[in-house]
PDB file of N, CA and C in Angstrom:
ATOM      1  N   UNK A   1      -7.709   8.934  10.748  1.00  0.00           N
ATOM      2  CA  UNK A   1      -8.736   9.655  11.579  1.00  0.00           C
ATOM      3  C   UNK A   1      -8.407   9.691  12.951  1.00  0.00           C
ATOM      4  N   UNK A   2      -8.485  10.694  13.644  1.00  0.00           N
ATOM      5  CA  UNK A   2      -7.963  10.630  15.024  1.00  0.00           C
ATOM      6  C   UNK A   2      -9.268   9.879  15.895  1.00  0.00           C
ATOM      7  N   UNK A   3      -8.988   9.189  16.773  1.00  0.00           N
ATOM      8  CA  UNK A   3     -10.162   8.392  17.604  1.00  0.00           C
ATOM      9  C   UNK A   3     -10.255   6.896  17.044  1.00  0.00           C
ATOM     10  N   UNK A   4      -9.142   6.611  15.854  1.00  0.00           N
ATOM     11  CA  UNK A   4      -9.612   5.230  15.508  1.00  0.00           C
ATOM     12  C   UNK A   4      -8.595   4.536  16.421  1.00  0.00           C
ATOM     13  N   UNK A   5      -9.067   3.035  16.645  1.00  0.00           N
ATOM     14  CA  UNK A   5      -8.019   2.392  17.508  1.00  0.00           C
ATOM     15  C   UNK A   5      -6.800   1.984  16.621  1.00  0.00           C
ATOM     16  N   UNK A   6      -5.871   1.882  17.447  1.00  0.00           N
ATOM     17  CA  UNK A   6      -4.507   1.373  16.933  1.00  0.00           C
ATOM     18  C   UNK A   6      -4.710   0.041  16.452  1.00  0.00           C
ATOM     19  N   UNK A   7      -4.216  -0.197  15.185  1.00  0.00           N
ATOM     20  CA  UNK A   7      -4.074  -1.548  14.772  1.00  0.00           C
ATOM     21  C   UNK A   7      -2.577  -1.863  14.316  1.00  0.00           C
ATOM     22  N   UNK A   8      -2.545  -3.262  14.451  1.00  0.00           N
ATOM     23  CA  UNK A   8      -1.144  -3.668  13.999  1.00  0.00           C
ATOM     24  C   UNK A   8      -0.967  -3.575  12.387  1.00  0.00           C
ATOM     25  N   UNK A   9       0.066  -3.280  11.765  1.00  0.00           N
ATOM     26  CA  UNK A   9       0.253  -3.140  10.523  1.00  0.00           C
ATOM     27  C   UNK A   9       1.067  -4.391  10.074  1.00  0.00           C
ATOM     28  N   UNK A  10       0.732  -4.959   9.088  1.00  0.00           N
ATOM     29  CA  UNK A  10       1.615  -6.205   8.556  1.00  0.00           C
ATOM     30  C   UNK A  10       1.841  -5.844   7.049  1.00  0.00           C
ATOM     31  N   UNK A  11       2.794  -6.302   6.580  1.00  0.00           N
ATOM     32  CA  UNK A  11       3.208  -6.262   5.019  1.00  0.00           C
ATOM     33  C   UNK A  11       3.016  -7.549   4.446  1.00  0.00           C
ATOM     34  N   UNK A  12       2.587  -7.692   3.320  1.00  0.00           N
ATOM     35  CA  UNK A  12       2.471  -9.108   2.438  1.00  0.00           C
ATOM     36  C   UNK A  12       4.052  -9.280   1.963  1.00  0.00           C
ATOM     37  N   UNK A  13       4.080 -10.617   1.527  1.00  0.00           N
ATOM     38  CA  UNK A  13       5.311 -10.955   0.880  1.00  0.00           C
ATOM     39  C   UNK A  13       5.336 -10.227  -0.632  1.00  0.00           C
ATOM     40  N   UNK A  14       4.135 -10.115  -1.312  1.00  0.00           N
ATOM     41  CA  UNK A  14       4.231  -9.494  -2.520  1.00  0.00           C
ATOM     42  C   UNK A  14       4.501  -8.066  -2.485  1.00  0.00           C
ATOM     43  N   UNK A  15       3.941  -7.595  -1.230  1.00  0.00           N
ATOM     44  CA  UNK A  15       4.411  -5.871  -1.126  1.00  0.00           C
ATOM     45  C   UNK A  15       5.938  -5.868  -0.842  1.00  0.00           C
ATOM     46  N   UNK A  16       6.587  -6.668  -0.306  1.00  0.00           N
ATOM     47  CA  UNK A  16       8.044  -6.715  -0.231  1.00  0.00           C
ATOM     48  C   UNK A  16       8.656  -6.835  -1.509  1.00  0.00           C
ATOM     49  N   UNK A  17       8.165  -7.660  -2.419  1.00  0.00           N
ATOM     50  CA  UNK A  17       8.755  -7.867  -3.572  1.00  0.00           C
ATOM     51  C   UNK A  17       8.517  -6.620  -4.659  1.00  0.00           C
ATOM     52  N   UNK A  18       7.231  -6.146  -4.414  1.00  0.00           N
ATOM     53  CA  UNK A  18       6.940  -4.804  -5.273  1.00  0.00           C
ATOM     54  C   UNK A  18       7.751  -3.887  -4.977  1.00  0.00           C
ATOM     55  N   UNK A  19       7.997  -3.563  -3.513  1.00  0.00           N
ATOM     56  CA  UNK A  19       8.983  -2.711  -3.088  1.00  0.00           C
ATOM     57  C   UNK A  19      10.219  -2.634  -3.415  1.00  0.00           C
ATOM     58  N   UNK A  20      10.968  -4.026  -3.494  1.00  0.00           N
ATOM     59  CA  UNK A  20      12.142  -4.164  -3.877  1.00  0.00           C
ATOM     60  C   UNK A  20      12.309  -3.631  -5.698  1.00  0.00           C
ATOM     61  N   UNK A  21      11.318  -4.100  -6.283  1.00  0.00           N
ATOM     62  CA  UNK A  21      11.383  -3.826  -7.777  1.00  0.00           C
ATOM     63  C   UNK A  21      11.366  -2.181  -8.009  1.00  0.00           C
ATOM     64  N   UNK A  22      10.348  -1.650  -7.324  1.00  0.00           N
ATOM     65  CA  UNK A  22      10.377  -0.076  -7.265  1.00  0.00           C
ATOM     66  C   UNK A  22      11.609   0.569  -6.878  1.00  0.00           C
ATOM     67  N   UNK A  23      12.195   0.001  -5.753  1.00  0.00           N
ATOM     68  CA  UNK A  23      13.626   0.593  -5.355  1.00  0.00           C
ATOM     69  C   UNK A  23      14.738   0.396  -6.454  1.00  0.00           C
ATOM     70  N   UNK A  24      14.876  -0.741  -6.948  1.00  0.00           N
ATOM     71  CA  UNK A  24      15.576  -1.122  -8.047  1.00  0.00           C
ATOM     72  C   UNK A  24      15.421  -0.403  -9.284  1.00  0.00           C
ATOM     73  N   UNK A  25      14.279  -0.148  -9.776  1.00  0.00           N
ATOM     74  CA  UNK A  25      13.929   0.826 -10.841  1.00  0.00           C
ATOM     75  C   UNK A  25      14.323   2.277 -10.449  1.00  0.00           C
ATOM     76  N   UNK A  26      14.016   2.736  -9.539  1.00  0.00           N
ATOM     77  CA  UNK A  26      14.342   3.982  -9.002  1.00  0.00           C
ATOM     78  C   UNK A  26      15.667   4.367  -8.829  1.00  0.00           C
ATOM     79  N   UNK A  27      16.467   3.400  -8.224  1.00  0.00           N
ATOM     80  CA  UNK A  27      18.015   3.483  -8.265  1.00  0.00           C
ATOM     81  C   UNK A  27      18.586   3.624  -9.572  1.00  0.00           C
ATOM     82  N   UNK A  28      17.837   3.007 -10.547  1.00  0.00           N
ATOM     83  CA  UNK A  28      18.677   2.830 -11.868  1.00  0.00           C
ATOM     84  C   UNK A  28      18.160   4.044 -12.731  1.00  0.00           C
ATOM     85  N   UNK A  29      17.045   4.510 -12.478  1.00  0.00           N
ATOM     86  CA  UNK A  29      16.408   5.539 -13.064  1.00  0.00           C
ATOM     87  C   UNK A  29      16.796   7.095 -12.649  1.00  0.00           C
ATOM     88  N   UNK A  30      16.666   7.250 -11.149  1.00  0.00           N
ATOM     89  CA  UNK A  30      16.847   8.321 -10.685  1.00  0.00           C
ATOM     90  C   UNK A  30      17.854   8.545  -9.599  1.00  0.00           C
ATOM     91  N   UNK A  31      18.653   7.439  -9.352  1.00  0.00           N
ATOM     92  CA  UNK A  31      20.008   7.353  -8.506  1.00  0.00           C
ATOM     93  C   UNK A  31      19.408   6.857  -7.001  1.00  0.00           C
ATOM     94  N   UNK A  32      20.467   6.216  -6.522  1.00  0.00           N
ATOM     95  CA  UNK A  32      20.110   5.602  -5.356  1.00  0.00           C
ATOM     96  C   UNK A  32      19.640   6.688  -4.148  1.00  0.00           C
ATOM     97  N   UNK A  33      20.076   7.871  -4.226  1.00  0.00           N
ATOM     98  CA  UNK A  33      19.656   8.790  -2.967  1.00  0.00           C
ATOM     99  C   UNK A  33      18.000   9.028  -3.307  1.00  0.00           C
ATOM    100  N   UNK A  34      17.688   9.218  -4.379  1.00  0.00           N
ATOM    101  CA  UNK A  34      16.289   9.477  -4.675  1.00  0.00           C
ATOM    102  C   UNK A  34      15.507   8.177  -4.502  1.00  0.00           C
ATOM    103  N   UNK A  35      15.863   6.929  -4.751  1.00  0.00           N
ATOM    104  CA  UNK A  35      15.277   5.880  -4.502  1.00  0.00           C
ATOM    105  C   UNK A  35      14.950   5.531  -2.992  1.00  0.00           C
ATOM    106  N   UNK A  36      16.245   6.003  -2.372  1.00  0.00           N
ATOM    107  CA  UNK A  36      16.136   5.713  -0.742  1.00  0.00           C
ATOM    108  C   UNK A  36      15.037   6.855  -0.309  1.00  0.00           C
ATOM    109  N   UNK A  37      15.094   7.892  -0.677  1.00  0.00           N
ATOM    110  CA  UNK A  37      13.959   8.811  -0.255  1.00  0.00           C
ATOM    111  C   UNK A  37      12.642   8.391  -0.500  1.00  0.00           C
ATOM    112  N   UNK A  38      12.260   7.790  -1.673  1.00  0.00           N
ATOM    113  CA  UNK A  38      11.077   7.516  -2.019  1.00  0.00           C
ATOM    114  C   UNK A  38      10.517   6.191  -1.133  1.00  0.00           C
ATOM    115  N   UNK A  39      11.548   5.456  -1.084  1.00  0.00           N
ATOM    116  CA  UNK A  39      11.289   4.105  -0.054  1.00  0.00           C
ATOM    117  C   UNK A  39      10.963   4.522   1.403  1.00  0.00           C
ATOM    118  N   UNK A  40      11.713   5.626   1.764  1.00  0.00           N
ATOM    119  CA  UNK A  40      11.524   6.142   3.136  1.00  0.00           C
ATOM    120  C   UNK A  40      10.006   6.675   3.132  1.00  0.00           C
ATOM    121  N   UNK A  41       9.721   7.359   2.050  1.00  0.00           N
ATOM    122  CA  UNK A  41       8.233   7.986   2.143  1.00  0.00           C
ATOM    123  C   UNK A  41       7.129   7.165   2.204  1.00  0.00           C
ATOM    124  N   UNK A  42       7.448   5.729   1.510  1.00  0.00           N
ATOM    125  CA  UNK A  42       6.419   4.617   1.528  1.00  0.00           C
ATOM    126  C   UNK A  42       6.434   4.185   2.797  1.00  0.00           C
ATOM    127  N   UNK A  43       7.436   3.838   3.502  1.00  0.00           N
ATOM    128  CA  UNK A  43       7.611   3.290   4.895  1.00  0.00           C
ATOM    129  C   UNK A  43       6.995   4.223   6.011  1.00  0.00           C
ATOM    130  N   UNK A  44       7.022   5.412   5.757  1.00  0.00           N
ATOM    131  CA  UNK A  44       6.568   6.334   6.777  1.00  0.00           C
ATOM    132  C   UNK A  44       5.030   6.412   6.727  1.00  0.00           C
ATOM    133  N   UNK A  45       4.443   6.289   5.392  1.00  0.00           N
ATOM    134  CA  UNK A  45       2.977   6.160   5.274  1.00  0.00           C
ATOM    135  C   UNK A  45       2.362   4.992   5.759  1.00  0.00           C
ATOM    136  N   UNK A  46       3.335   3.892   5.610  1.00  0.00           N
ATOM    137  CA  UNK A  46       2.894   2.299   6.118  1.00  0.00           C
ATOM    138  C   UNK A  46       2.723   2.569   7.838  1.00  0.00           C
ATOM    139  N   UNK A  47       3.876   3.115   8.386  1.00  0.00           N
ATOM    140  CA  UNK A  47       3.938   3.196   9.743  1.00  0.00           C
ATOM    141  C   UNK A  47       2.616   4.163  10.169  1.00  0.00           C
ATOM    142  N   UNK A  48       2.284   5.230   9.657  1.00  0.00           N
ATOM    143  CA  UNK A  48       1.274   5.892   9.749  1.00  0.00           C
ATOM    144  C   UNK A  48      -0.148   5.356   9.706  1.00  0.00           C
ATOM    145  N   UNK A  49      -0.397   4.059   8.959  1.00  0.00           N
ATOM    146  CA  UNK A  49      -1.505   3.545   8.990  1.00  0.00           C
ATOM    147  C   UNK A  49      -2.099   2.801  10.018  1.00  0.00           C
ATOM    148  N   UNK A  50      -1.210   2.740  11.179  1.00  0.00           N
ATOM    149  CA  UNK A  50      -1.657   2.154  12.512  1.00  0.00           C
ATOM    150  C   UNK A  50      -2.877   2.708  13.095  1.00  0.00           C
ATOM    151  N   UNK A  51      -2.880   4.118  12.944  1.00  0.00           N
ATOM    152  CA  UNK A  51      -3.859   4.861  13.494  1.00  0.00           C
ATOM    153  C   UNK A  51      -4.789   5.659  12.449  1.00  0.00           C
ATOM    154  N   UNK A  52      -4.107   5.806  11.182  1.00  0.00           N
ATOM    155  CA  UNK A  52      -4.722   6.614   9.976  1.00  0.00           C
ATOM    156  C   UNK A  52      -5.300   5.818   9.151  1.00  0.00           C
ATOM    157  N   UNK A  53      -5.824   4.642   9.285  1.00  0.00           N
ATOM    158  CA  UNK A  53      -5.900   3.685   8.186  1.00  0.00           C
ATOM    159  C   UNK A  53      -7.436   3.958   7.512  1.00  0.00           C
ATOM    160  N   UNK A  54      -8.311   5.008   8.187  1.00  0.00           N
ATOM    161  CA  UNK A  54      -9.327   5.274   7.661  1.00  0.00           C
ATOM    162  C   UNK A  54      -9.359   6.673   6.991  1.00  0.00           C
ATOM    163  N   UNK A  55      -8.206   7.460   6.718  1.00  0.00           N
ATOM    164  CA  UNK A  55      -7.935   8.548   6.193  1.00  0.00           C
ATOM    165  C   UNK A  55      -7.875   8.416   4.702  1.00  0.00           C
ATOM    166  N   UNK A  56      -7.352   7.385   4.304  1.00  0.00           N
ATOM    167  CA  UNK A  56      -7.313   7.118   2.815  1.00  0.00           C
ATOM    168  C   UNK A  56      -8.793   6.468   2.129  1.00  0.00           C
ATOM    169  N   UNK A  57      -9.214   6.862   1.081  1.00  0.00           N
ATOM    170  CA  UNK A  57     -10.338   6.295   0.459  1.00  0.00           C
ATOM    171  C   UNK A  57     -10.235   4.754   0.067  1.00  0.00           C
ATOM    172  N   UNK A  58     -11.512   4.387  -0.079  1.00  0.00           N
ATOM    173  CA  UNK A  58     -11.855   2.834  -0.483  1.00  0.00           C
ATOM    174  C   UNK A  58     -11.160   2.824  -2.030  1.00  0.00           C
ATOM    175  N   UNK A  59     -10.626   1.726  -2.179  1.00  0.00           N
ATOM    176  CA  UNK A  59     -10.104   1.501  -3.528  1.00  0.00           C
ATOM    177  C   UNK A  59     -11.371   1.074  -4.497  1.00  0.00           C
ATOM    178  N   UNK A  60     -11.528   1.977  -5.504  1.00  0.00           N
ATOM    179  CA  UNK A  60     -12.654   2.010  -6.392  1.00  0.00           C
ATOM    180  C   UNK A  60     -12.917   0.653  -7.035  1.00  0.00           C
ATOM    181  N   UNK A  61     -11.614   0.056  -7.255  1.00  0.00           N
ATOM    182  CA  UNK A  61     -11.886  -1.214  -8.104  1.00  0.00           C
ATOM    183  C   UNK A  61     -12.284  -2.416  -7.289  1.00  0.00           C
ATOM    184  N   UNK A  62     -12.167  -2.333  -5.931  1.00  0.00           N
ATOM    185  CA  UNK A  62     -12.356  -3.438  -4.841  1.00  0.00           C
ATOM    186  C   UNK A  62     -13.577  -3.102  -4.025  1.00  0.00           C
ATOM    187  N   UNK A  63     -14.616  -2.581  -4.770  1.00  0.00           N
ATOM    188  CA  UNK A  63     -15.587  -2.216  -3.478  1.00  0.00           C
ATOM    189  C   UNK A  63     -16.144  -3.325  -2.684  1.00  0.00           C
ATOM    190  N   UNK A  64     -16.355  -2.972  -1.298  1.00  0.00           N
ATOM    191  CA  UNK A  64     -17.121  -3.895  -0.497  1.00  0.00           C
ATOM    192  C   UNK A  64     -17.816  -3.216   0.381  1.00  0.00           C
ATOM    193  N   UNK A  65     -18.968  -3.706   1.143  1.00  0.00           N
ATOM    194  CA  UNK A  65     -19.706  -2.857   1.871  1.00  0.00           C
ATOM    195  C   UNK A  65     -18.885  -2.367   2.955  1.00  0.00           C
ATOM    196  N   UNK A  66     -17.866  -3.158   3.594  1.00  0.00           N
ATOM    197  CA  UNK A  66     -17.248  -2.520   4.727  1.00  0.00           C
ATOM    198  C   UNK A  66     -16.159  -1.648   4.366  1.00  0.00           C
ATOM    199  N   UNK A  67     -15.888  -1.382   3.315  1.00  0.00           N
ATOM    200  CA  UNK A  67     -14.950  -0.788   2.549  1.00  0.00           C
ATOM    201  C   UNK A  67     -13.437  -1.054   3.068  1.00  0.00           C
ATOM    202  N   UNK A  68     -13.319  -2.390   3.083  1.00  0.00           N
ATOM    203  CA  UNK A  68     -11.992  -2.802   3.579  1.00  0.00           C
ATOM    204  C   UNK A  68     -10.693  -2.820   3.002  1.00  0.00           C
ATOM    205  N   UNK A  69     -10.930  -2.607   1.610  1.00  0.00           N
ATOM    206  CA  UNK A  69      -9.945  -2.304   0.684  1.00  0.00           C
ATOM    207  C   UNK A  69      -9.676  -0.867   0.318  1.00  0.00           C
ATOM    208  N   UNK A  70      -8.531  -0.215   0.874  1.00  0.00           N
ATOM    209  CA  UNK A  70      -8.334   1.184   0.716  1.00  0.00           C
ATOM    210  C   UNK A  70      -6.859   1.322  -0.047  1.00  0.00           C
ATOM    211  N   UNK A  71      -6.726   2.504  -0.497  1.00  0.00           N
ATOM    212  CA  UNK A  71      -5.457   2.784  -1.174  1.00  0.00           C
ATOM    213  C   UNK A  71      -4.967   4.041  -1.085  1.00  0.00           C
ATOM    214  N   UNK A  72      -3.698   4.200  -1.264  1.00  0.00           N
ATOM    215  CA  UNK A  72      -3.043   5.616  -1.010  1.00  0.00           C
ATOM    216  C   UNK A  72      -2.244   5.896  -2.488  1.00  0.00           C
ATOM    217  N   UNK A  73      -2.616   6.933  -3.019  1.00  0.00           N
ATOM    218  CA  UNK A  73      -1.983   7.188  -4.446  1.00  0.00           C
ATOM    219  C   UNK A  73      -0.776   7.900  -4.004  1.00  0.00           C
ATOM    220  N   UNK A  74       0.304   7.349  -4.355  1.00  0.00           N
ATOM    221  CA  UNK A  74       1.684   8.134  -3.997  1.00  0.00           C
ATOM    222  C   UNK A  74       2.518   8.196  -5.567  1.00  0.00           C
ATOM    223  N   UNK A  75       2.582   9.322  -5.887  1.00  0.00           N
ATOM    224  CA  UNK A  75       3.366   9.636  -7.164  1.00  0.00           C
ATOM    225  C   UNK A  75       2.726   8.977  -8.257  1.00  0.00           C
ATOM    226  N   UNK A  76       3.490   7.813  -8.669  1.00  0.00           N
ATOM    227  CA  UNK A  76       2.948   7.236 -10.071  1.00  0.00           C
ATOM    228  C   UNK A  76       2.707   5.636  -9.353  1.00  0.00           C
ATOM    229  N   UNK A  77       2.496   5.397  -7.974  1.00  0.00           N
ATOM    230  CA  UNK A  77       2.139   3.930  -7.475  1.00  0.00           C
ATOM    231  C   UNK A  77       0.908   4.184  -6.626  1.00  0.00           C
ATOM    232  N   UNK A  78       0.293   3.042  -6.617  1.00  0.00           N
ATOM    233  CA  UNK A  78      -0.788   2.645  -5.615  1.00  0.00           C
ATOM    234  C   UNK A  78      -0.449   1.700  -4.477  1.00  0.00           C
ATOM    235  N   UNK A  79      -0.727   2.246  -3.295  1.00  0.00           N
ATOM    236  CA  UNK A  79      -0.489   1.502  -2.144  1.00  0.00           C
ATOM    237  C   UNK A  79      -1.751   0.843  -1.734  1.00  0.00           C
ATOM    238  N   UNK A  80      -1.903  -0.426  -1.901  1.00  0.00           N
ATOM    239  CA  UNK A  80      -3.237  -1.033  -1.541  1.00  0.00           C
ATOM    240  C   UNK A  80      -3.158  -1.658  -0.384  1.00  0.00           C
ATOM    241  N   UNK A  81      -4.036  -1.521   0.800  1.00  0.00           N
ATOM    242  CA  UNK A  81      -4.198  -2.257   2.066  1.00  0.00           C
ATOM    243  C   UNK A  81      -5.398  -2.620   2.221  1.00  0.00           C
ATOM    244  N   UNK A  82      -5.698  -3.618   3.373  1.00  0.00           N
ATOM    245  CA  UNK A  82      -6.991  -4.149   3.512  1.00  0.00           C
ATOM    246  C   UNK A  82      -7.023  -3.867   5.157  1.00  0.00           C
ATOM    247  N   UNK A  83      -8.156  -3.393   5.763  1.00  0.00           N
ATOM    248  CA  UNK A  83      -8.439  -3.318   6.882  1.00  0.00           C
ATOM    249  C   UNK A  83      -9.450  -4.281   7.549  1.00  0.00           C
ATOM    250  N   UNK A  84      -8.857  -5.168   8.451  1.00  0.00           N
ATOM    251  CA  UNK A  84      -9.442  -6.094   9.093  1.00  0.00           C
ATOM    252  C   UNK A  84      -9.994  -5.578  10.591  1.00  0.00           C
ATOM    253  N   UNK A  85     -10.622  -6.449  11.382  1.00  0.00           N
ATOM    254  CA  UNK A  85     -10.798  -6.002  12.858  1.00  0.00           C
ATOM    255  C   UNK A  85      -9.546  -5.823  13.779  1.00  0.00           C
ATOM    256  N   UNK A  86      -8.603  -6.425  13.444  1.00  0.00           N
ATOM    257  CA  UNK A  86      -7.204  -6.542  14.215  1.00  0.00           C
ATOM    258  C   UNK A  86      -6.187  -6.079  13.564  1.00  0.00           C
ATOM    259  N   UNK A  87      -5.974  -5.834  12.144  1.00  0.00           N
ATOM    260  CA  UNK A  87      -4.818  -5.458  11.617  1.00  0.00           C
ATOM    261  C   UNK A  87      -5.150  -4.646  10.312  1.00  0.00           C
ATOM    262  N   UNK A  88      -4.055  -3.939   9.846  1.00  0.00           N
ATOM    263  CA  UNK A  88      -4.122  -3.229   8.596  1.00  0.00           C
ATOM    264  C   UNK A  88      -3.051  -3.967   7.855  1.00  0.00           C
ATOM    265  N   UNK A  89      -3.418  -4.787   6.715  1.00  0.00           N
ATOM    266  CA  UNK A  89      -2.568  -5.663   5.860  1.00  0.00           C
ATOM    267  C   UNK A  89      -2.377  -5.081   4.821  1.00  0.00           C
ATOM    268  N   UNK A  90      -1.039  -4.539   4.391  1.00  0.00           N
ATOM    269  CA  UNK A  90      -0.584  -3.755   3.146  1.00  0.00           C
ATOM    270  C   UNK A  90      -0.217  -4.933   2.369  1.00  0.00           C
ATOM    271  N   UNK A  91      -0.951  -4.707   1.217  1.00  0.00           N
ATOM    272  CA  UNK A  91      -1.098  -5.955   0.171  1.00  0.00           C
ATOM    273  C   UNK A  91      -0.056  -5.868  -1.115  1.00  0.00           C
ATOM    274  N   UNK A  92       0.016  -4.703  -1.629  1.00  0.00           N
ATOM    275  CA  UNK A  92       0.757  -4.384  -2.846  1.00  0.00           C
ATOM    276  C   UNK A  92       1.048  -2.919  -3.117  1.00  0.00           C
ATOM    277  N   UNK A  93       2.112  -2.902  -3.878  1.00  0.00           N
ATOM    278  CA  UNK A  93       2.543  -1.402  -4.255  1.00  0.00           C
ATOM    279  C   UNK A  93       2.632  -1.612  -5.857  1.00  0.00           C
ATOM    280  N   UNK A  94       1.513  -1.048  -6.536  1.00  0.00           N
ATOM    281  CA  UNK A  94       1.536  -1.407  -8.024  1.00  0.00           C
ATOM    282  C   UNK A  94       1.582  -0.034  -8.579  1.00  0.00           C
ATOM    283  N   UNK A  95       2.223  -0.088  -9.766  1.00  0.00           N
ATOM    284  CA  UNK A  95       2.296   1.287 -10.660  1.00  0.00           C
ATOM    285  C   UNK A  95       0.921   1.628 -11.236  1.00  0.00           C
ATOM    286  N   UNK A  96       0.665   3.017 -11.182  1.00  0.00           N
ATOM    287  CA  UNK A  96      -0.816   3.428 -11.442  1.00  0.00           C
ATOM    288  C   UNK A  96      -1.091   3.059 -13.055  1.00  0.00           C
ATOM    289  N   UNK A  97      -0.151   2.679 -13.623  1.00  0.00           N
ATOM    290  CA  UNK A  97      -0.424   2.354 -15.156  1.00  0.00           C
ATOM    291  C   UNK A  97      -0.878   0.786 -15.396  1.00  0.00           C
ATOM    292  N   UNK A  98      -0.624   0.140 -14.285  1.00  0.00           N
ATOM    293  CA  UNK A  98      -1.201  -1.354 -14.333  1.00  0.00           C
ATOM    294  C   UNK A  98      -2.397  -1.470 -14.585  1.00  0.00           C
ATOM    295  N   UNK A  99      -2.854  -2.714 -15.259  1.00  0.00           N
ATOM    296  CA  UNK A  99      -4.143  -2.952 -15.571  1.00  0.00           C
ATOM    297  C   UNK A  99      -5.084  -3.098 -14.383  1.00  0.00           C
ATOM    298  N   UNK A 100      -6.363  -3.026 -14.326  1.00  0.00           N
ATOM    299  CA  UNK A 100      -7.455  -3.084 -13.379  1.00  0.00           C
ATOM    300  C   UNK A 100      -7.291  -4.408 -12.837  1.00  0.00           C
ATOM    301  N   UNK A 101      -7.226  -5.364 -13.778  1.00  0.00           N
ATOM    302  CA  UNK A 101      -7.086  -6.759 -13.331  1.00  0.00           C
ATOM    303  C   UNK A 101      -6.199  -6.979 -12.186  1.00  0.00           C
ATOM    304  N   UNK A 102      -4.974  -6.360 -12.525  1.00  0.00           N
ATOM    305  CA  UNK A 102      -3.848  -6.625 -11.575  1.00  0.00           C
ATOM    306  C   UNK A 102      -4.401  -6.080 -10.000  1.00  0.00           C
ATOM    307  N   UNK A 103      -4.920  -4.802 -10.131  1.00  0.00           N
ATOM    308  CA  UNK A 103      -5.426  -4.333  -8.945  1.00  0.00           C
ATOM    309  C   UNK A 103      -6.226  -5.213  -8.161  1.00  0.00           C
ATOM    310  N   UNK A 104      -7.208  -5.815  -8.746  1.00  0.00           N
ATOM    311  CA  UNK A 104      -8.264  -6.821  -8.283  1.00  0.00           C
ATOM    312  C   UNK A 104      -7.729  -7.850  -7.890  1.00  0.00           C
ATOM    313  N   UNK A 105      -6.478  -8.264  -8.331  1.00  0.00           N
ATOM    314  CA  UNK A 105      -5.953  -9.669  -7.706  1.00  0.00           C
ATOM    315  C   UNK A 105      -5.482  -9.632  -6.177  1.00  0.00           C
ATOM    316  N   UNK A 106      -5.384  -8.362  -5.723  1.00  0.00           N
ATOM    317  CA  UNK A 106      -5.146  -8.467  -4.137  1.00  0.00           C
ATOM    318  C   UNK A 106      -5.867  -9.137  -3.049  1.00  0.00           C
ATOM    319  N   UNK A 107      -7.246  -9.170  -3.854  1.00  0.00           N
ATOM    320  CA  UNK A 107      -8.096  -9.961  -3.090  1.00  0.00           C
ATOM    321  C   UNK A 107      -7.674 -11.391  -2.455  1.00  0.00           C
ATOM    322  N   UNK A 108      -6.749 -11.845  -3.334  1.00  0.00           N
ATOM    323  CA  UNK A 108      -6.322 -13.392  -3.328  1.00  0.00           C
ATOM    324  C   UNK A 108      -5.161 -13.297  -2.243  1.00  0.00           C
ATOM    325  N   UNK A 109      -4.530 -12.227  -1.868  1.00  0.00           N
ATOM    326  CA  UNK A 109      -3.365 -12.188  -0.997  1.00  0.00           C
ATOM    327  C   UNK A 109      -3.908 -12.583   0.413  1.00  0.00           C
ATOM    328  N   UNK A 110      -3.030 -13.722   1.095  1.00  0.00           N
ATOM    329  CA  UNK A 110      -3.439 -14.308   2.305  1.00  0.00           C
ATOM    330  C   UNK A 110      -2.075 -14.034   3.043  1.00  0.00           C
ATOM    331  N   UNK A 111      -2.429 -14.014   4.376  1.00  0.00           N
ATOM    332  CA  UNK A 111      -1.296 -13.642   5.508  1.00  0.00           C
ATOM    333  C   UNK A 111      -1.324 -14.916   6.346  1.00  0.00           C
TER     334      UNK A 111
END
């Protein structure tokens, strides 16, 4: 949303692992070029979170009063991030068919 102050965007180690696995699967299934395009789309969304972090809805499986946990639904994946006073923390990239329990574990990710 315009008018939001710019925040630093950081990614978790678990997100990097998730992204690697998504890329590997995509390259094997759809080819290297398509996997690279999908990865680029993910990074473009992440870069935009610096100022557009309130654009996406609260993650309904991790409700909080401050609505700090938010998600982006991207094709068959959920990009889950946390908004703090000073940072946007990208936590996980999870396949949308994963269990709700897996989504809830993002609360435990520390930086």
